[in-house]
PDB file of all heavy atoms in Angstrom:
ATOM      1  N   ASP A   1     -43.121  -1.602 134.442  1.00  0.00           N
ATOM      2  CA  ASP A   1     -43.893  -0.635 135.211  1.00  0.00           C
ATOM      3  C   ASP A   1     -45.221  -1.249 135.655  1.00  0.00           C
ATOM      4  O   ASP A   1     -45.614  -1.155 136.825  1.00  0.00           O
ATOM      5  CB  ASP A   1     -44.133   0.609 134.353  1.00  0.00           C
ATOM      6  CG  ASP A   1     -44.957   1.672 135.044  1.00  0.00           C
ATOM      7  OD1 ASP A   1     -44.667   2.004 136.207  1.00  0.00           O
ATOM      8  OD2 ASP A   1     -45.898   2.192 134.407  1.00  0.00           O
ATOM      9  N   SER A   2     -45.878  -1.927 134.748  1.00  0.00           N
ATOM     10  CA  SER A   2     -47.163  -2.551 135.037  1.00  0.00           C
ATOM     11  C   SER A   2     -47.037  -3.654 136.092  1.00  0.00           C
ATOM     12  O   SER A   2     -47.863  -3.747 137.013  1.00  0.00           O
ATOM     13  CB  SER A   2     -47.743  -3.122 133.744  1.00  0.00           C
ATOM     14  OG  SER A   2     -48.925  -3.811 133.993  1.00  0.00           O
ATOM     15  N   TYR A   3     -46.005  -4.475 135.981  1.00  0.00           N
ATOM     16  CA  TYR A   3     -45.797  -5.550 136.959  1.00  0.00           C
ATOM     17  C   TYR A   3     -45.572  -4.990 138.361  1.00  0.00           C
ATOM     18  O   TYR A   3     -46.174  -5.456 139.333  1.00  0.00           O
ATOM     19  CB  TYR A   3     -44.614  -6.433 136.582  1.00  0.00           C
ATOM     20  CG  TYR A   3     -44.823  -7.302 135.374  1.00  0.00           C
ATOM     21  CD1 TYR A   3     -43.759  -7.598 134.537  1.00  0.00           C
ATOM     22  CD2 TYR A   3     -46.069  -7.831 135.047  1.00  0.00           C
ATOM     23  CE1 TYR A   3     -43.932  -8.401 133.417  1.00  0.00           C
ATOM     24  CE2 TYR A   3     -46.247  -8.630 133.930  1.00  0.00           C
ATOM     25  CZ  TYR A   3     -45.182  -8.922 133.125  1.00  0.00           C
ATOM     26  OH  TYR A   3     -45.343  -9.711 132.025  1.00  0.00           O
ATOM     27  N   VAL A   4     -44.689  -3.987 138.471  1.00  0.00           N
ATOM     28  CA  VAL A   4     -44.407  -3.422 139.798  1.00  0.00           C
ATOM     29  C   VAL A   4     -45.659  -2.731 140.354  1.00  0.00           C
ATOM     30  O   VAL A   4     -45.944  -2.833 141.550  1.00  0.00           O
ATOM     31  CB  VAL A   4     -43.186  -2.477 139.771  1.00  0.00           C
ATOM     32  CG1 VAL A   4     -42.972  -1.832 141.146  1.00  0.00           C
ATOM     33  CG2 VAL A   4     -41.934  -3.231 139.338  1.00  0.00           C
ATOM     34  N   ALA A   5     -46.425  -2.075 139.487  1.00  0.00           N
ATOM     35  CA  ALA A   5     -47.668  -1.447 139.942  1.00  0.00           C
ATOM     36  C   ALA A   5     -48.620  -2.493 140.516  1.00  0.00           C
ATOM     37  O   ALA A   5     -49.206  -2.290 141.590  1.00  0.00           O
ATOM     38  CB  ALA A   5     -48.330  -0.700 138.786  1.00  0.00           C
ATOM     39  N   GLY A   6     -48.766  -3.609 139.838  1.00  0.00           N
ATOM     40  CA  GLY A   6     -49.632  -4.671 140.336  1.00  0.00           C
ATOM     41  C   GLY A   6     -49.152  -5.217 141.669  1.00  0.00           C
ATOM     42  O   GLY A   6     -49.957  -5.487 142.574  1.00  0.00           O
ATOM     43  N   LEU A   7     -47.843  -5.375 141.795  1.00  0.00           N
ATOM     44  CA  LEU A   7     -47.274  -5.859 143.053  1.00  0.00           C
ATOM     45  C   LEU A   7     -47.524  -4.863 144.184  1.00  0.00           C
ATOM     46  O   LEU A   7     -47.857  -5.253 145.306  1.00  0.00           O
ATOM     47  CB  LEU A   7     -45.776  -6.121 142.892  1.00  0.00           C
ATOM     48  CG  LEU A   7     -45.413  -7.292 141.967  1.00  0.00           C
ATOM     49  CD1 LEU A   7     -43.939  -7.230 141.600  1.00  0.00           C
ATOM     50  CD2 LEU A   7     -45.772  -8.620 142.612  1.00  0.00           C
ATOM     51  N   ALA A   8     -47.351  -3.585 143.891  1.00  0.00           N
ATOM     52  CA  ALA A   8     -47.581  -2.555 144.908  1.00  0.00           C
ATOM     53  C   ALA A   8     -49.036  -2.564 145.365  1.00  0.00           C
ATOM     54  O   ALA A   8     -49.320  -2.507 146.569  1.00  0.00           O
ATOM     55  CB  ALA A   8     -47.180  -1.175 144.380  1.00  0.00           C
ATOM     56  N   LEU A   9     -49.951  -2.645 144.410  1.00  0.00           N
ATOM     57  CA  LEU A   9     -51.367  -2.674 144.771  1.00  0.00           C
ATOM     58  C   LEU A   9     -51.698  -3.914 145.604  1.00  0.00           C
ATOM     59  O   LEU A   9     -52.443  -3.826 146.582  1.00  0.00           O
ATOM     60  CB  LEU A   9     -52.233  -2.620 143.510  1.00  0.00           C
ATOM     61  CG  LEU A   9     -52.210  -1.288 142.778  1.00  0.00           C
ATOM     62  CD1 LEU A   9     -52.921  -1.406 141.438  1.00  0.00           C
ATOM     63  CD2 LEU A   9     -52.827  -0.191 143.625  1.00  0.00           C
ATOM     64  N   SER A  10     -51.134  -5.058 145.232  1.00  0.00           N
ATOM     65  CA  SER A  10     -51.362  -6.277 146.017  1.00  0.00           C
ATOM     66  C   SER A  10     -50.813  -6.131 147.429  1.00  0.00           C
ATOM     67  O   SER A  10     -51.466  -6.493 148.409  1.00  0.00           O
ATOM     68  CB  SER A  10     -50.699  -7.483 145.342  1.00  0.00           C
ATOM     69  OG  SER A  10     -51.346  -7.791 144.137  1.00  0.00           O
ATOM     70  N   GLU A  11     -49.604  -5.603 147.524  1.00  0.00           N
ATOM     71  CA  GLU A  11     -48.973  -5.440 148.839  1.00  0.00           C
ATOM     72  C   GLU A  11     -49.790  -4.505 149.722  1.00  0.00           C
ATOM     73  O   GLU A  11     -50.001  -4.780 150.906  1.00  0.00           O
ATOM     74  CB  GLU A  11     -47.553  -4.907 148.677  1.00  0.00           C
ATOM     75  CG  GLU A  11     -46.814  -4.701 149.969  1.00  0.00           C
ATOM     76  CD  GLU A  11     -46.513  -5.991 150.726  1.00  0.00           C
ATOM     77  OE1 GLU A  11     -46.729  -7.099 150.208  1.00  0.00           O
ATOM     78  OE2 GLU A  11     -46.047  -5.877 151.871  1.00  0.00           O
ATOM     79  N   LEU A  12     -50.270  -3.419 149.152  1.00  0.00           N
ATOM     80  CA  LEU A  12     -51.017  -2.435 149.935  1.00  0.00           C
ATOM     81  C   LEU A  12     -52.416  -2.921 150.297  1.00  0.00           C
ATOM     82  O   LEU A  12     -53.030  -2.401 151.223  1.00  0.00           O
ATOM     83  CB  LEU A  12     -51.090  -1.105 149.187  1.00  0.00           C
ATOM     84  CG  LEU A  12     -49.750  -0.372 149.094  1.00  0.00           C
ATOM     85  CD1 LEU A  12     -49.832   0.761 148.081  1.00  0.00           C
ATOM     86  CD2 LEU A  12     -49.310   0.134 150.454  1.00  0.00           C
ATOM     87  N   SER A  13     -52.917  -3.914 149.572  1.00  0.00           N
ATOM     88  CA  SER A  13     -54.269  -4.400 149.861  1.00  0.00           C
ATOM     89  C   SER A  13     -54.269  -5.764 150.552  1.00  0.00           C
ATOM     90  O   SER A  13     -55.252  -6.471 150.507  1.00  0.00           O
ATOM     91  CB  SER A  13     -55.097  -4.447 148.580  1.00  0.00           C
ATOM     92  OG  SER A  13     -54.558  -5.388 147.679  1.00  0.00           O
ATOM     93  N   GLY A  14     -53.167  -6.125 151.181  1.00  0.00           N
ATOM     94  CA  GLY A  14     -53.178  -7.350 151.965  1.00  0.00           C
ATOM     95  C   GLY A  14     -51.927  -8.185 151.850  1.00  0.00           C
ATOM     96  O   GLY A  14     -51.742  -9.121 152.612  1.00  0.00           O
ATOM     97  N   GLY A  15     -51.087  -7.902 150.894  1.00  0.00           N
ATOM     98  CA  GLY A  15     -49.837  -8.648 150.783  1.00  0.00           C
ATOM     99  C   GLY A  15     -49.790  -9.511 149.535  1.00  0.00           C
ATOM    100  O   GLY A  15     -50.810  -9.780 148.907  1.00  0.00           O
ATOM    101  N   LEU A  16     -48.590  -9.918 149.191  1.00  0.00           N
ATOM    102  CA  LEU A  16     -48.385 -10.749 148.014  1.00  0.00           C
ATOM    103  C   LEU A  16     -48.759 -12.191 148.312  1.00  0.00           C
ATOM    104  O   LEU A  16     -48.641 -12.647 149.442  1.00  0.00           O
ATOM    105  CB  LEU A  16     -46.914 -10.697 147.585  1.00  0.00           C
ATOM    106  CG  LEU A  16     -46.316  -9.327 147.276  1.00  0.00           C
ATOM    107  CD1 LEU A  16     -44.897  -9.497 146.742  1.00  0.00           C
ATOM    108  CD2 LEU A  16     -47.164  -8.531 146.314  1.00  0.00           C
ATOM    109  N   ASP A  17     -49.190 -12.885 147.275  1.00  0.00           N
ATOM    110  CA  ASP A  17     -49.388 -14.319 147.446  1.00  0.00           C
ATOM    111  C   ASP A  17     -48.139 -15.034 146.934  1.00  0.00           C
ATOM    112  O   ASP A  17     -47.227 -14.405 146.403  1.00  0.00           O
ATOM    113  CB  ASP A  17     -50.667 -14.806 146.759  1.00  0.00           C
ATOM    114  CG  ASP A  17     -50.676 -14.601 145.256  1.00  0.00           C
ATOM    115  OD1 ASP A  17     -49.597 -14.674 144.626  1.00  0.00           O
ATOM    116  OD2 ASP A  17     -51.765 -14.395 144.696  1.00  0.00           O
ATOM    117  N   ASP A  18     -48.101 -16.327 147.107  1.00  0.00           N
ATOM    118  CA  ASP A  18     -46.902 -17.095 146.748  1.00  0.00           C
ATOM    119  C   ASP A  18     -46.522 -16.951 145.280  1.00  0.00           C
ATOM    120  O   ASP A  18     -45.341 -17.007 144.938  1.00  0.00           O
ATOM    121  CB  ASP A  18     -47.083 -18.568 147.098  1.00  0.00           C
ATOM    122  CG  ASP A  18     -47.083 -18.816 148.602  1.00  0.00           C
ATOM    123  OD1 ASP A  18     -46.616 -17.930 149.349  1.00  0.00           O
ATOM    124  OD2 ASP A  18     -47.561 -19.878 149.018  1.00  0.00           O
ATOM    125  N   ASP A  19     -47.507 -16.765 144.399  1.00  0.00           N
ATOM    126  CA  ASP A  19     -47.212 -16.605 142.975  1.00  0.00           C
ATOM    127  C   ASP A  19     -46.588 -15.253 142.646  1.00  0.00           C
ATOM    128  O   ASP A  19     -45.925 -15.112 141.625  1.00  0.00           O
ATOM    129  CB  ASP A  19     -48.491 -16.788 142.141  1.00  0.00           C
ATOM    130  CG  ASP A  19     -49.022 -18.204 142.203  1.00  0.00           C
ATOM    131  OD1 ASP A  19     -48.229 -19.135 142.465  1.00  0.00           O
ATOM    132  OD2 ASP A  19     -50.240 -18.383 141.996  1.00  0.00           O
ATOM    133  N   ASP A  20     -46.831 -14.256 143.496  1.00  0.00           N
ATOM    134  CA  ASP A  20     -46.297 -12.910 143.252  1.00  0.00           C
ATOM    135  C   ASP A  20     -44.822 -12.781 143.608  1.00  0.00           C
ATOM    136  O   ASP A  20     -44.123 -11.929 143.057  1.00  0.00           O
ATOM    137  CB  ASP A  20     -47.059 -11.870 144.086  1.00  0.00           C
ATOM    138  CG  ASP A  20     -48.493 -11.677 143.636  1.00  0.00           C
ATOM    139  OD1 ASP A  20     -48.766 -11.840 142.441  1.00  0.00           O
ATOM    140  OD2 ASP A  20     -49.332 -11.362 144.498  1.00  0.00           O
ATOM    141  N   ILE A  21     -44.356 -13.574 144.533  1.00  0.00           N
ATOM    142  CA  ILE A  21     -42.995 -13.396 145.052  1.00  0.00           C
ATOM    143  C   ILE A  21     -41.925 -13.598 143.976  1.00  0.00           C
ATOM    144  O   ILE A  21     -41.032 -12.758 143.840  1.00  0.00           O
ATOM    145  CB  ILE A  21     -42.772 -14.249 146.313  1.00  0.00           C
ATOM    146  CG1 ILE A  21     -43.730 -13.751 147.409  1.00  0.00           C
ATOM    147  CG2 ILE A  21     -41.324 -14.178 146.784  1.00  0.00           C
ATOM    148  CD1 ILE A  21     -43.830 -14.651 148.615  1.00  0.00           C
ATOM    149  N   PRO A  22     -42.005 -14.636 143.137  1.00  0.00           N
ATOM    150  CA  PRO A  22     -41.008 -14.746 142.058  1.00  0.00           C
ATOM    151  C   PRO A  22     -41.075 -13.560 141.082  1.00  0.00           C
ATOM    152  O   PRO A  22     -40.049 -13.111 140.575  1.00  0.00           O
ATOM    153  CB  PRO A  22     -41.362 -16.055 141.356  1.00  0.00           C
ATOM    154  CG  PRO A  22     -42.159 -16.835 142.336  1.00  0.00           C
ATOM    155  CD  PRO A  22     -42.861 -15.821 143.192  1.00  0.00           C
ATOM    156  N   THR A  23     -42.274 -13.056 140.835  1.00  0.00           N
ATOM    157  CA  THR A  23     -42.430 -11.884 139.966  1.00  0.00           C
ATOM    158  C   THR A  23     -41.737 -10.681 140.580  1.00  0.00           C
ATOM    159  O   THR A  23     -41.061  -9.917 139.874  1.00  0.00           O
ATOM    160  CB  THR A  23     -43.925 -11.584 139.716  1.00  0.00           C
ATOM    161  OG1 THR A  23     -44.542 -12.737 139.137  1.00  0.00           O
ATOM    162  CG2 THR A  23     -44.110 -10.380 138.806  1.00  0.00           C
ATOM    163  N   LEU A  24     -41.897 -10.495 141.883  1.00  0.00           N
ATOM    164  CA  LEU A  24     -41.234  -9.391 142.582  1.00  0.00           C
ATOM    165  C   LEU A  24     -39.726  -9.462 142.377  1.00  0.00           C
ATOM    166  O   LEU A  24     -39.093  -8.465 142.004  1.00  0.00           O
ATOM    167  CB  LEU A  24     -41.574  -9.431 144.077  1.00  0.00           C
ATOM    168  CG  LEU A  24     -40.777  -8.482 144.976  1.00  0.00           C
ATOM    169  CD1 LEU A  24     -41.073  -7.034 144.625  1.00  0.00           C
ATOM    170  CD2 LEU A  24     -41.080  -8.776 146.444  1.00  0.00           C
ATOM    171  N   TRP A  25     -39.138 -10.627 142.617  1.00  0.00           N
ATOM    172  CA  TRP A  25     -37.683 -10.752 142.504  1.00  0.00           C
ATOM    173  C   TRP A  25     -37.221 -10.614 141.056  1.00  0.00           C
ATOM    174  O   TRP A  25     -36.146 -10.049 140.803  1.00  0.00           O
ATOM    175  CB  TRP A  25     -37.202 -12.044 143.152  1.00  0.00           C
ATOM    176  CG  TRP A  25     -37.404 -11.963 144.635  1.00  0.00           C
ATOM    177  CD1 TRP A  25     -38.338 -12.620 145.374  1.00  0.00           C
ATOM    178  CD2 TRP A  25     -36.709 -11.104 145.552  1.00  0.00           C
ATOM    179  NE1 TRP A  25     -38.248 -12.231 146.692  1.00  0.00           N
ATOM    180  CE2 TRP A  25     -37.258 -11.306 146.831  1.00  0.00           C
ATOM    181  CE3 TRP A  25     -35.674 -10.183 145.411  1.00  0.00           C
ATOM    182  CZ2 TRP A  25     -36.808 -10.636 147.962  1.00  0.00           C
ATOM    183  CZ3 TRP A  25     -35.222  -9.510 146.546  1.00  0.00           C
ATOM    184  CH2 TRP A  25     -35.791  -9.736 147.797  1.00  0.00           C
ATOM    185  N   ALA A  26     -38.032 -11.065 140.095  1.00  0.00           N
ATOM    186  CA  ALA A  26     -37.688 -10.875 138.681  1.00  0.00           C
ATOM    187  C   ALA A  26     -37.715  -9.390 138.323  1.00  0.00           C
ATOM    188  O   ALA A  26     -36.849  -8.901 137.582  1.00  0.00           O
ATOM    189  CB  ALA A  26     -38.645 -11.665 137.789  1.00  0.00           C
ATOM    190  N   CYS A  27     -38.689  -8.658 138.856  1.00  0.00           N
ATOM    191  CA  CYS A  27     -38.766  -7.213 138.604  1.00  0.00           C
ATOM    192  C   CYS A  27     -37.555  -6.496 139.194  1.00  0.00           C
ATOM    193  O   CYS A  27     -36.986  -5.603 138.553  1.00  0.00           O
ATOM    194  CB  CYS A  27     -40.057  -6.635 139.181  1.00  0.00           C
ATOM    195  SG  CYS A  27     -41.547  -7.070 138.258  1.00  0.00           S
ATOM    196  N   ILE A  28     -37.158  -6.865 140.391  1.00  0.00           N
ATOM    197  CA  ILE A  28     -35.985  -6.250 141.018  1.00  0.00           C
ATOM    198  C   ILE A  28     -34.742  -6.522 140.171  1.00  0.00           C
ATOM    199  O   ILE A  28     -33.940  -5.616 139.925  1.00  0.00           O
ATOM    200  CB  ILE A  28     -35.823  -6.743 142.470  1.00  0.00           C
ATOM    201  CG1 ILE A  28     -36.923  -6.121 143.343  1.00  0.00           C
ATOM    202  CG2 ILE A  28     -34.433  -6.409 143.019  1.00  0.00           C
ATOM    203  CD1 ILE A  28     -37.008  -6.667 144.745  1.00  0.00           C
ATOM    204  N   THR A  29     -34.598  -7.748 139.699  1.00  0.00           N
ATOM    205  CA  THR A  29     -33.461  -8.093 138.835  1.00  0.00           C
ATOM    206  C   THR A  29     -33.476  -7.236 137.572  1.00  0.00           C
ATOM    207  O   THR A  29     -32.442  -6.687 137.168  1.00  0.00           O
ATOM    208  CB  THR A  29     -33.507  -9.588 138.471  1.00  0.00           C
ATOM    209  OG1 THR A  29     -33.381 -10.349 139.673  1.00  0.00           O
ATOM    210  CG2 THR A  29     -32.396  -9.965 137.513  1.00  0.00           C
ATOM    211  N   ASP A  30     -34.651  -7.113 136.949  1.00  0.00           N
ATOM    212  CA  ASP A  30     -34.759  -6.311 135.725  1.00  0.00           C
ATOM    213  C   ASP A  30     -34.478  -4.829 136.000  1.00  0.00           C
ATOM    214  O   ASP A  30     -33.799  -4.164 135.212  1.00  0.00           O
ATOM    215  CB  ASP A  30     -36.142  -6.465 135.098  1.00  0.00           C
ATOM    216  CG  ASP A  30     -36.328  -7.802 134.399  1.00  0.00           C
ATOM    217  OD1 ASP A  30     -35.320  -8.518 134.167  1.00  0.00           O
ATOM    218  OD2 ASP A  30     -37.488  -8.125 134.068  1.00  0.00           O
ATOM    219  N   LEU A  31     -34.997  -4.314 137.100  1.00  0.00           N
ATOM    220  CA  LEU A  31     -34.748  -2.912 137.436  1.00  0.00           C
ATOM    221  C   LEU A  31     -33.261  -2.656 137.656  1.00  0.00           C
ATOM    222  O   LEU A  31     -32.707  -1.661 137.172  1.00  0.00           O
ATOM    223  CB  LEU A  31     -35.555  -2.507 138.673  1.00  0.00           C
ATOM    224  CG  LEU A  31     -37.055  -2.315 138.420  1.00  0.00           C
ATOM    225  CD1 LEU A  31     -37.842  -2.414 139.720  1.00  0.00           C
ATOM    226  CD2 LEU A  31     -37.310  -0.994 137.710  1.00  0.00           C
ATOM    227  N   ASP A  32     -32.606  -3.563 138.371  1.00  0.00           N
ATOM    228  CA  ASP A  32     -31.175  -3.404 138.608  1.00  0.00           C
ATOM    229  C   ASP A  32     -30.376  -3.494 137.308  1.00  0.00           C
ATOM    230  O   ASP A  32     -29.322  -2.872 137.180  1.00  0.00           O
ATOM    231  CB  ASP A  32     -30.686  -4.448 139.605  1.00  0.00           C
ATOM    232  CG  ASP A  32     -31.165  -4.171 141.027  1.00  0.00           C
ATOM    233  OD1 ASP A  32     -31.655  -3.051 141.305  1.00  0.00           O
ATOM    234  OD2 ASP A  32     -31.058  -5.093 141.861  1.00  0.00           O
ATOM    235  N   LYS A  33     -30.896  -4.248 136.343  1.00  0.00           N
ATOM    236  CA  LYS A  33     -30.215  -4.392 135.058  1.00  0.00           C
ATOM    237  C   LYS A  33     -30.384  -3.141 134.192  1.00  0.00           C
ATOM    238  O   LYS A  33     -29.429  -2.686 133.565  1.00  0.00           O
ATOM    239  CB  LYS A  33     -30.774  -5.619 134.318  1.00  0.00           C
ATOM    240  CG  LYS A  33     -30.155  -5.841 132.963  1.00  0.00           C
ATOM    241  CD  LYS A  33     -30.484  -7.197 132.336  1.00  0.00           C
ATOM    242  CE  LYS A  33     -31.926  -7.545 132.284  1.00  0.00           C
ATOM    243  NZ  LYS A  33     -32.210  -8.754 131.478  1.00  0.00           N
ATOM    244  N   ILE A  34     -31.583  -2.560 134.174  1.00  0.00           N
ATOM    245  CA  ILE A  34     -31.836  -1.451 133.253  1.00  0.00           C
ATOM    246  C   ILE A  34     -31.435  -0.084 133.794  1.00  0.00           C
ATOM    247  O   ILE A  34     -31.082   0.797 133.013  1.00  0.00           O
ATOM    248  CB  ILE A  34     -33.310  -1.408 132.799  1.00  0.00           C
ATOM    249  CG1 ILE A  34     -34.231  -1.096 133.981  1.00  0.00           C
ATOM    250  CG2 ILE A  34     -33.688  -2.673 132.071  1.00  0.00           C
ATOM    251  CD1 ILE A  34     -35.579  -0.557 133.601  1.00  0.00           C
ATOM    252  N   LEU A  35     -31.509   0.112 135.109  1.00  0.00           N
ATOM    253  CA  LEU A  35     -31.258   1.453 135.649  1.00  0.00           C
ATOM    254  C   LEU A  35     -29.931   2.068 135.195  1.00  0.00           C
ATOM    255  O   LEU A  35     -29.920   3.229 134.785  1.00  0.00           O
ATOM    256  CB  LEU A  35     -31.379   1.464 137.176  1.00  0.00           C
ATOM    257  CG  LEU A  35     -32.811   1.600 137.677  1.00  0.00           C
ATOM    258  CD1 LEU A  35     -32.900   1.337 139.169  1.00  0.00           C
ATOM    259  CD2 LEU A  35     -33.373   2.965 137.321  1.00  0.00           C
ATOM    260  N   PRO A  36     -28.817   1.325 135.211  1.00  0.00           N
ATOM    261  CA  PRO A  36     -27.568   1.945 134.773  1.00  0.00           C
ATOM    262  C   PRO A  36     -27.545   2.263 133.269  1.00  0.00           C
ATOM    263  O   PRO A  36     -26.700   3.029 132.817  1.00  0.00           O
ATOM    264  CB  PRO A  36     -26.491   0.899 135.086  1.00  0.00           C
ATOM    265  CG  PRO A  36     -27.137  -0.120 135.954  1.00  0.00           C
ATOM    266  CD  PRO A  36     -28.609  -0.021 135.746  1.00  0.00           C
ATOM    267  N   LEU A  37     -28.501   1.711 132.519  1.00  0.00           N
ATOM    268  CA  LEU A  37     -28.509   1.884 131.069  1.00  0.00           C
ATOM    269  C   LEU A  37     -29.436   3.003 130.599  1.00  0.00           C
ATOM    270  O   LEU A  37     -29.454   3.332 129.416  1.00  0.00           O
ATOM    271  CB  LEU A  37     -28.923   0.564 130.396  1.00  0.00           C
ATOM    272  CG  LEU A  37     -28.068  -0.654 130.755  1.00  0.00           C
ATOM    273  CD1 LEU A  37     -28.659  -1.911 130.152  1.00  0.00           C
ATOM    274  CD2 LEU A  37     -26.629  -0.446 130.324  1.00  0.00           C
ATOM    275  N   ILE A  38     -30.210   3.574 131.508  1.00  0.00           N
ATOM    276  CA  ILE A  38     -31.161   4.628 131.138  1.00  0.00           C
ATOM    277  C   ILE A  38     -30.455   5.972 131.186  1.00  0.00           C
ATOM    278  O   ILE A  38     -30.005   6.406 132.246  1.00  0.00           O
ATOM    279  CB  ILE A  38     -32.393   4.625 132.072  1.00  0.00           C
ATOM    280  CG1 ILE A  38     -33.138   3.296 131.964  1.00  0.00           C
ATOM    281  CG2 ILE A  38     -33.313   5.790 131.732  1.00  0.00           C
ATOM    282  CD1 ILE A  38     -34.290   3.146 132.946  1.00  0.00           C
ATOM    283  N   GLY A  39     -30.376   6.633 130.038  1.00  0.00           N
ATOM    284  CA  GLY A  39     -29.692   7.916 129.954  1.00  0.00           C
ATOM    285  C   GLY A  39     -30.586   9.111 130.243  1.00  0.00           C
ATOM    286  O   GLY A  39     -30.121  10.155 130.670  1.00  0.00           O
ATOM    287  N   ASP A  40     -31.886   8.969 130.011  1.00  0.00           N
ATOM    288  CA  ASP A  40     -32.831  10.061 130.224  1.00  0.00           C
ATOM    289  C   ASP A  40     -33.069  10.263 131.718  1.00  0.00           C
ATOM    290  O   ASP A  40     -33.420   9.315 132.432  1.00  0.00           O
ATOM    291  CB  ASP A  40     -34.146   9.721 129.514  1.00  0.00           C
ATOM    292  CG  ASP A  40     -35.198  10.783 129.695  1.00  0.00           C
ATOM    293  OD1 ASP A  40     -35.161  11.768 128.936  1.00  0.00           O
ATOM    294  OD2 ASP A  40     -36.053  10.633 130.603  1.00  0.00           O
ATOM    295  N   GLU A  41     -32.884  11.479 132.202  1.00  0.00           N
ATOM    296  CA  GLU A  41     -32.963  11.757 133.644  1.00  0.00           C
ATOM    297  C   GLU A  41     -34.346  11.466 134.220  1.00  0.00           C
ATOM    298  O   GLU A  41     -34.468  10.844 135.272  1.00  0.00           O
ATOM    299  CB  GLU A  41     -32.575  13.213 133.914  1.00  0.00           C
ATOM    300  CG  GLU A  41     -32.515  13.551 135.382  1.00  0.00           C
ATOM    301  CD  GLU A  41     -32.061  14.983 135.630  1.00  0.00           C
ATOM    302  OE1 GLU A  41     -31.354  15.548 134.784  1.00  0.00           O
ATOM    303  OE2 GLU A  41     -32.432  15.519 136.672  1.00  0.00           O
ATOM    304  N   TYR A  42     -35.407  11.912 133.535  1.00  0.00           N
ATOM    305  CA  TYR A  42     -36.750  11.674 134.062  1.00  0.00           C
ATOM    306  C   TYR A  42     -37.067  10.181 134.088  1.00  0.00           C
ATOM    307  O   TYR A  42     -37.584   9.665 135.080  1.00  0.00           O
ATOM    308  CB  TYR A  42     -37.821  12.422 133.254  1.00  0.00           C
ATOM    309  CG  TYR A  42     -39.204  12.130 133.776  1.00  0.00           C
ATOM    310  CD1 TYR A  42     -39.662  12.731 134.947  1.00  0.00           C
ATOM    311  CD2 TYR A  42     -40.041  11.226 133.127  1.00  0.00           C
ATOM    312  CE1 TYR A  42     -40.915  12.436 135.461  1.00  0.00           C
ATOM    313  CE2 TYR A  42     -41.301  10.925 133.633  1.00  0.00           C
ATOM    314  CZ  TYR A  42     -41.732  11.533 134.791  1.00  0.00           C
ATOM    315  OH  TYR A  42     -42.978  11.243 135.303  1.00  0.00           O
ATOM    316  N   CYS A  43     -36.756   9.491 133.008  1.00  0.00           N
ATOM    317  CA  CYS A  43     -37.022   8.052 132.942  1.00  0.00           C
ATOM    318  C   CYS A  43     -36.239   7.316 134.029  1.00  0.00           C
ATOM    319  O   CYS A  43     -36.775   6.418 134.689  1.00  0.00           O
ATOM    320  CB  CYS A  43     -36.684   7.510 131.559  1.00  0.00           C
ATOM    321  SG  CYS A  43     -37.178   5.786 131.321  1.00  0.00           S
ATOM    322  N   ARG A  44     -34.992   7.703 134.234  1.00  0.00           N
ATOM    323  CA  ARG A  44     -34.183   7.061 135.276  1.00  0.00           C
ATOM    324  C   ARG A  44     -34.788   7.306 136.658  1.00  0.00           C
ATOM    325  O   ARG A  44     -34.884   6.391 137.479  1.00  0.00           O
ATOM    326  CB  ARG A  44     -32.737   7.545 135.224  1.00  0.00           C
ATOM    327  CG  ARG A  44     -31.827   6.776 136.175  1.00  0.00           C
ATOM    328  CD  ARG A  44     -30.349   7.121 136.041  1.00  0.00           C
ATOM    329  NE  ARG A  44     -30.077   8.534 135.891  1.00  0.00           N
ATOM    330  CZ  ARG A  44     -29.713   9.129 134.738  1.00  0.00           C
ATOM    331  NH1 ARG A  44     -29.561   8.436 133.646  1.00  0.00           N
ATOM    332  NH2 ARG A  44     -29.496  10.425 134.698  1.00  0.00           N
ATOM    333  N   SER A  45     -35.260   8.525 136.926  1.00  0.00           N
ATOM    334  CA  SER A  45     -35.862   8.798 138.239  1.00  0.00           C
ATOM    335  C   SER A  45     -37.178   8.034 138.393  1.00  0.00           C
ATOM    336  O   SER A  45     -37.494   7.547 139.483  1.00  0.00           O
ATOM    337  CB  SER A  45     -36.056  10.293 138.468  1.00  0.00           C
ATOM    338  OG  SER A  45     -37.138  10.797 137.732  1.00  0.00           O
TER     339      SER A  45
END
């Protein structure tokens, strides 16, 4: 949650730098991995 928040703030304030891009793709990979495993409706949303 913290990583994606930081990425969002960076994107909204001028864009990601080269160091942020691998973090973005790692977060997407992690989100795609965990979403099917979250049983709680609020947490999943």
